[in-house]
Amino acid sequence: MANTFRQYLQAETIILQVDLIVCFRNLQKRTDDAVSLFGDKEAGGICVLKGYKEYYYGYDGKAVYVDLIDELQSKYPLTEPQIIGESAQKAFIGLFGAILRMRNLLSSFDDFAGNEILSEREMQDYQGRYNDLYDEWRNRRKEHEKEDITDDIVFEVELIKQIEINIDYILLLVEKYHDGHKSDKELLITINKAVDSSLELRSKKSLIQNFIAGINDVDDVLLEWKEFVVKKKEEELAAIIAEEKLKNDETRKFVEYSFRDGVMKTTGTDIDKIMPPMSRFGGGREKKKESIIQRLLAFFERFFGIG
């Protein structure tokens, strides 16, 4: 009876986590999609949890966590540096997405702790590959806007974000590395792998690496980081303004509001207001505008959330 009640509570928790899917009306597809995030694409409308062992070891001949991990390690060993070929990449993306959904479900069971099979380092390595492919396929989509080549590719971005490593964790590792007089090279590898496994921190990798390379004898690594970010942020923004010949005051206000609001608006007339005077004929202005947008977006992604 106690175990049944525990499963009931776990089911209630999961139902709440998927935006009260029991209240959806005439939204069967969204309901199924929401349930599928928790590992069971065949749940079909009603979210009824099976037990931990069924999801971990399998049931009714269905491959679940143990089988998925075995397939991952056998088909895509970490000893192989890359996943070559479009079909292999698609298969990996689908497989790892299924593992992310299953881990998300299993994390609601206490028994899963310590039984993840993959070590933290191995999970970060696989997440790094997954994120590499996310960036690669996202860039392919930008290059083929008229022909959507990624319609059948689904990345579980939200599930990746749920296990994101934040900058505070990275700085704790940096502090440990610094306190050890920069002698523990394994810590550097750990830091790089942790950054690669995070969608949010990947764009800040070179910034983090430059900071690590430059710190020497400091009393407070966190304070040093904040000062480093402020300095680099100003240097890079000043360079963009100078090289793109942007209006200084207007650009700084635009960037300030973007960081305040948590998003950089690239539509409307905001970008036009900071651009230098240019002819609207011949297409040169639009190319210049796109170049400015790309540089400012890269700048925003690089510094947002770490100041």
Protein backbone atom coordinates (compact mmCIF):
# COMPACT_ATOMS: atom_id res chain seq x y z
CA MET A 1 0.00 0.00 0.00
CA ALA A 2 2.83 2.41 0.89
CA ASN A 3 4.53 1.74 -2.44
CA THR A 4 1.25 2.30 -4.33
CA PHE A 5 0.70 5.59 -2.55
CA ARG A 6 4.28 6.64 -3.33
CA GLN A 7 3.75 5.92 -7.03
CA TYR A 8 0.53 7.90 -6.92
CA LEU A 9 2.38 10.89 -5.48
CA GLN A 10 5.08 10.58 -8.10
CA ALA A 11 2.45 10.46 -10.84
CA GLU A 12 0.78 13.54 -9.41
CA THR A 13 4.11 15.37 -9.35
CA ILE A 14 4.85 14.52 -12.97
CA ILE A 15 1.38 15.54 -14.09
CA LEU A 16 1.88 18.91 -12.42
CA GLN A 17 5.29 19.28 -14.04
CA VAL A 18 3.79 19.03 -17.53
CA ASP A 19 1.54 22.04 -17.10
CA LEU A 20 -1.49 20.18 -15.76
CA ILE A 21 -1.94 18.15 -18.93
CA VAL A 22 -4.99 16.48 -17.41
CA CYS A 23 -6.83 19.77 -18.03
CA PHE A 24 -6.08 19.97 -21.76
CA ARG A 25 -9.18 19.80 -23.98
CA ASN A 26 -9.06 18.90 -27.67
CA LEU A 27 -5.26 19.06 -27.50
CA GLN A 28 -4.40 15.39 -27.90
CA LYS A 29 -1.14 16.00 -29.76
CA ARG A 30 0.14 18.48 -27.16
CA THR A 31 -0.89 16.09 -24.39
CA ASP A 32 0.99 13.21 -26.03
CA ASP A 33 4.02 15.43 -26.63
CA ALA A 34 4.02 16.55 -23.01
CA VAL A 35 3.77 12.98 -21.71
CA SER A 36 6.48 11.85 -24.13
CA LEU A 37 8.96 14.20 -22.46
CA PHE A 38 8.81 11.80 -19.54
CA GLY A 39 9.77 8.81 -21.60
CA ASP A 40 6.53 7.18 -22.75
CA LYS A 41 5.44 8.28 -26.24
CA GLU A 42 2.66 5.66 -26.21
CA ALA A 43 0.95 6.90 -23.06
CA GLY A 44 -1.87 8.41 -25.14
CA GLY A 45 -3.85 10.92 -23.13
CA ILE A 46 -3.69 9.49 -19.61
CA CYS A 47 -0.42 9.67 -17.70
CA VAL A 48 -0.11 6.41 -15.76
CA LEU A 49 3.32 5.66 -14.37
CA LYS A 50 4.86 2.24 -14.39
CA GLY A 51 7.32 1.24 -11.71
CA TYR A 52 10.99 2.16 -11.53
CA LYS A 53 12.19 -1.29 -12.63
CA GLU A 54 9.99 -1.27 -15.74
CA TYR A 55 11.43 2.05 -16.93
CA TYR A 56 14.97 1.11 -15.92
CA TYR A 57 15.20 -2.50 -17.16
CA GLY A 58 12.36 -2.62 -19.70
CA TYR A 59 8.84 -4.02 -20.02
CA ASP A 60 6.78 -5.84 -22.64
CA GLY A 61 9.88 -6.20 -24.78
CA LYS A 62 10.30 -2.42 -24.92
CA ALA A 63 13.84 -1.06 -24.77
CA VAL A 64 14.16 1.52 -22.03
CA TYR A 65 16.97 2.98 -19.97
CA VAL A 66 19.46 0.10 -19.67
CA ASP A 67 18.97 -0.86 -23.32
CA LEU A 68 19.18 2.75 -24.50
CA ILE A 69 22.47 3.30 -22.67
CA ASP A 70 23.85 0.02 -24.01
CA GLU A 71 22.95 1.10 -27.56
CA LEU A 72 24.51 4.52 -26.99
CA GLN A 73 27.81 3.13 -25.73
CA SER A 74 28.06 0.41 -28.37
CA LYS A 75 27.09 2.51 -31.41
CA TYR A 76 28.63 5.82 -30.34
CA PRO A 77 31.60 5.09 -28.07
CA LEU A 78 33.38 8.11 -26.63
CA THR A 79 36.63 6.73 -28.00
CA GLU A 80 35.39 7.79 -31.45
CA PRO A 81 36.04 11.54 -31.80
CA GLN A 82 33.10 12.35 -34.11
CA ILE A 83 29.82 11.05 -35.44
CA ILE A 84 30.24 10.99 -39.21
CA GLY A 85 27.39 11.12 -41.70
CA GLU A 86 23.92 12.63 -41.68
CA SER A 87 22.07 9.35 -40.99
CA ALA A 88 24.36 8.48 -38.06
CA GLN A 89 23.96 11.98 -36.64
CA LYS A 90 20.17 11.80 -36.90
CA ALA A 91 20.18 8.39 -35.20
CA PHE A 92 22.36 9.69 -32.37
CA ILE A 93 20.17 12.77 -31.89
CA GLY A 94 17.06 10.59 -31.63
CA LEU A 95 18.72 8.09 -29.30
CA PHE A 96 20.21 10.64 -26.94
CA GLY A 97 16.92 12.58 -26.90
CA ALA A 98 15.18 9.38 -25.77
CA ILE A 99 17.79 8.95 -23.03
CA LEU A 100 17.26 12.52 -21.84
CA ARG A 101 13.50 11.93 -21.61
CA MET A 102 14.02 8.66 -19.74
CA ARG A 103 16.51 10.17 -17.31
CA ASN A 104 14.04 12.98 -16.67
CA LEU A 105 11.39 10.43 -15.75
CA LEU A 106 13.69 8.19 -13.71
CA SER A 107 14.96 11.15 -11.68
CA SER A 108 11.59 11.17 -9.90
CA PHE A 109 12.53 7.80 -8.35
CA ASP A 110 14.96 7.71 -5.43
CA ASP A 111 16.34 4.38 -6.70
CA PHE A 112 17.84 6.06 -9.76
CA ALA A 113 20.45 8.01 -7.76
CA GLY A 114 23.78 6.23 -8.19
CA ASN A 115 22.43 3.96 -10.94
CA GLU A 116 22.74 6.30 -13.92
CA ILE A 117 25.31 3.94 -15.55
CA LEU A 118 27.01 6.86 -17.28
CA SER A 119 29.45 8.76 -15.07
CA GLU A 120 29.10 12.52 -14.77
CA ARG A 121 32.09 12.96 -17.10
CA GLU A 122 30.65 10.55 -19.69
CA MET A 123 27.27 12.28 -19.58
CA GLN A 124 28.95 15.63 -20.12
CA ASP A 125 30.89 14.22 -23.07
CA TYR A 126 27.72 12.95 -24.72
CA GLN A 127 25.95 16.22 -24.00
CA GLY A 128 28.87 18.03 -25.61
CA ARG A 129 28.44 15.95 -28.78
CA TYR A 130 24.69 16.52 -28.70
CA ASN A 131 25.22 20.28 -28.35
CA ASP A 132 27.79 20.25 -31.18
CA LEU A 133 25.19 18.69 -33.45
CA TYR A 134 22.55 21.14 -32.24
CA ASP A 135 24.80 24.03 -33.29
CA GLU A 136 25.70 22.33 -36.57
CA TRP A 137 22.11 21.57 -37.58
CA ARG A 138 20.93 25.01 -36.48
CA ASN A 139 23.56 26.56 -38.78
CA ARG A 140 22.49 24.28 -41.63
CA ARG A 141 18.94 25.50 -41.18
CA LYS A 142 20.05 29.13 -41.41
CA GLU A 143 21.88 28.34 -44.64
CA HIS A 144 18.83 26.60 -46.16
CA GLU A 145 15.99 28.86 -45.04
CA LYS A 146 13.80 28.05 -48.05
CA GLU A 147 14.31 24.32 -47.62
CA ASP A 148 13.84 23.22 -44.03
CA ILE A 149 16.26 20.31 -43.73
CA THR A 150 15.64 19.88 -40.00
CA ASP A 151 11.91 19.13 -39.95
CA ASP A 152 12.52 15.57 -38.77
CA ILE A 153 15.20 16.54 -36.25
CA VAL A 154 14.02 17.14 -32.69
CA PHE A 155 16.44 18.39 -30.06
CA GLU A 156 15.37 18.11 -26.42
CA VAL A 157 16.66 21.60 -25.63
CA GLU A 158 14.44 22.10 -22.59
CA LEU A 159 15.64 18.85 -21.03
CA ILE A 160 19.26 19.86 -21.64
CA LYS A 161 18.57 23.19 -19.94
CA GLN A 162 17.14 21.39 -16.90
CA ILE A 163 20.57 19.90 -16.25
CA GLU A 164 22.51 23.02 -17.21
CA ILE A 165 25.79 23.78 -15.49
CA ASN A 166 25.90 27.42 -14.44
CA ILE A 167 28.79 29.86 -14.28
CA ASP A 168 28.94 29.64 -10.48
CA TYR A 169 29.84 25.95 -10.70
CA ILE A 170 32.53 26.67 -13.28
CA LEU A 171 34.01 29.43 -11.12
CA LEU A 172 34.16 27.07 -8.15
CA LEU A 173 36.25 24.72 -10.30
CA VAL A 174 38.41 27.64 -11.42
CA GLU A 175 38.92 28.66 -7.81
CA LYS A 176 39.94 25.11 -6.93
CA TYR A 177 42.36 25.09 -9.88
CA HIS A 178 43.80 28.44 -8.79
CA ASP A 179 44.17 27.34 -5.14
CA GLY A 180 46.10 24.31 -6.36
CA HIS A 181 48.62 26.65 -8.05
CA LYS A 182 47.39 25.60 -11.50
CA SER A 183 48.98 22.19 -11.13
CA ASP A 184 45.87 20.03 -11.54
CA LYS A 185 45.53 19.79 -15.33
CA GLU A 186 42.69 17.30 -14.92
CA LEU A 187 40.62 20.15 -13.51
CA LEU A 188 41.13 22.08 -16.74
CA ILE A 189 39.76 19.13 -18.69
CA THR A 190 36.79 18.95 -16.31
CA ILE A 191 36.09 22.66 -16.78
CA ASN A 192 36.23 22.42 -20.59
CA LYS A 193 33.97 19.37 -20.70
CA ALA A 194 31.49 20.99 -18.33
CA VAL A 195 31.36 24.13 -20.49
CA ASP A 196 30.92 22.07 -23.68
CA SER A 197 27.99 20.21 -22.12
CA SER A 198 26.11 23.47 -21.46
CA LEU A 199 24.14 25.22 -24.20
CA GLU A 200 24.33 28.48 -22.26
CA LEU A 201 28.07 28.46 -21.55
CA ARG A 202 29.44 27.26 -24.90
CA SER A 203 29.38 30.78 -26.36
CA LYS A 204 31.41 31.95 -23.36
CA LYS A 205 34.10 29.26 -23.58
CA SER A 206 36.91 31.43 -24.94
CA LEU A 207 36.08 34.09 -22.36
CA ILE A 208 36.38 31.53 -19.55
CA GLN A 209 39.59 30.10 -20.98
CA ASN A 210 41.17 33.57 -21.28
CA PHE A 211 40.23 34.30 -17.69
CA ILE A 212 41.79 31.07 -16.44
CA ALA A 213 44.98 31.70 -18.41
CA GLY A 214 45.30 35.24 -17.09
CA ILE A 215 44.67 34.89 -13.35
CA ASN A 216 47.69 34.69 -11.10
CA ASP A 217 47.86 35.56 -7.42
CA VAL A 218 44.43 36.89 -6.48
CA ASP A 219 42.57 36.82 -3.19
CA ASP A 220 39.08 36.47 -4.61
CA VAL A 221 38.51 34.59 -7.86
CA LEU A 222 34.83 35.59 -8.04
CA LEU A 223 35.62 39.28 -7.68
CA GLU A 224 38.41 38.95 -10.24
CA TRP A 225 35.96 37.31 -12.65
CA LYS A 226 33.42 40.13 -12.32
CA GLU A 227 36.12 42.75 -13.00
CA PHE A 228 37.42 40.70 -15.94
CA VAL A 229 33.94 40.45 -17.49
CA VAL A 230 33.28 44.19 -17.10
CA LYS A 231 36.60 45.01 -18.78
CA LYS A 232 36.17 42.54 -21.66
CA LYS A 233 32.58 43.56 -22.21
CA GLU A 234 33.57 47.21 -22.60
CA GLU A 235 36.53 46.36 -24.85
CA GLU A 236 34.46 44.21 -27.19
CA LEU A 237 31.52 46.62 -27.37
CA ALA A 238 33.86 49.55 -28.09
CA ALA A 239 35.48 47.50 -30.86
CA ILE A 240 32.11 46.69 -32.46
CA ILE A 241 31.04 50.33 -32.33
CA ALA A 242 34.31 51.51 -33.88
CA GLU A 243 34.61 48.82 -36.56
CA GLU A 244 30.96 49.00 -37.63
CA LYS A 245 30.91 52.81 -37.27
CA LEU A 246 27.82 52.68 -35.06
CA LYS A 247 26.36 55.62 -33.17
CA ASN A 248 28.04 55.39 -29.78
CA ASP A 249 25.37 56.62 -27.33
CA GLU A 250 22.47 54.98 -29.15
CA THR A 251 24.30 51.65 -29.39
CA ARG A 252 25.21 51.63 -25.72
CA LYS A 253 21.60 52.33 -24.73
CA PHE A 254 20.39 49.60 -27.07
CA VAL A 255 22.82 47.08 -25.55
CA GLU A 256 22.00 48.18 -21.99
CA TYR A 257 18.27 47.68 -22.55
CA SER A 258 18.92 44.29 -24.18
CA PHE A 259 20.78 42.99 -21.13
CA ARG A 260 18.12 44.48 -18.86
CA ASP A 261 15.28 42.80 -20.75
CA GLY A 262 17.14 39.53 -21.34
CA VAL A 263 16.66 39.63 -25.10
CA MET A 264 18.17 41.53 -28.02
CA LYS A 265 15.53 42.83 -30.42
CA THR A 266 16.71 42.58 -34.02
CA THR A 267 13.40 43.37 -35.71
CA GLY A 268 11.75 46.74 -36.13
CA THR A 269 13.76 49.95 -36.31
CA ASP A 270 16.06 49.51 -33.29
CA ILE A 271 19.07 48.44 -35.37
CA ASP A 272 18.41 51.15 -37.96
CA LYS A 273 18.66 53.81 -35.25
CA ILE A 274 22.21 52.82 -34.31
CA MET A 275 23.56 52.32 -37.86
CA PRO A 276 25.75 54.84 -39.67
CA PRO A 277 24.18 56.82 -42.54
CA MET A 278 24.02 54.65 -45.68
CA SER A 279 22.18 54.61 -48.97
CA ARG A 280 19.06 52.46 -48.96
CA PHE A 281 19.67 51.53 -52.60
CA GLY A 282 21.87 48.76 -53.99
CA GLY A 283 21.46 46.28 -51.13
CA GLY A 284 24.55 47.41 -49.24
CA ARG A 285 22.59 48.71 -46.28
CA GLU A 286 20.79 45.40 -45.70
CA LYS A 287 24.05 43.43 -45.81
CA LYS A 288 25.59 45.88 -43.37
CA LYS A 289 22.57 45.59 -41.09
CA GLU A 290 22.76 41.80 -41.09
CA SER A 291 26.47 41.94 -40.27
CA ILE A 292 25.79 44.27 -37.34
CA ILE A 293 22.99 42.05 -36.05
CA GLN A 294 25.21 38.96 -36.11
CA ARG A 295 28.02 40.72 -34.25
CA LEU A 296 25.71 42.18 -31.61
CA LEU A 297 23.91 38.86 -31.08
CA ALA A 298 27.23 37.07 -30.62
CA PHE A 299 28.29 39.75 -28.15
CA PHE A 300 24.99 39.43 -26.27
CA GLU A 301 25.22 35.62 -26.04
CA ARG A 302 28.82 35.86 -24.91
CA PHE A 303 28.16 38.18 -21.98
CA PHE A 304 24.54 37.62 -20.99
CA GLY A 305 24.02 35.94 -17.63
CA ILE A 306 27.60 36.11 -16.36
CA GLY A 307 27.97 39.72 -15.18
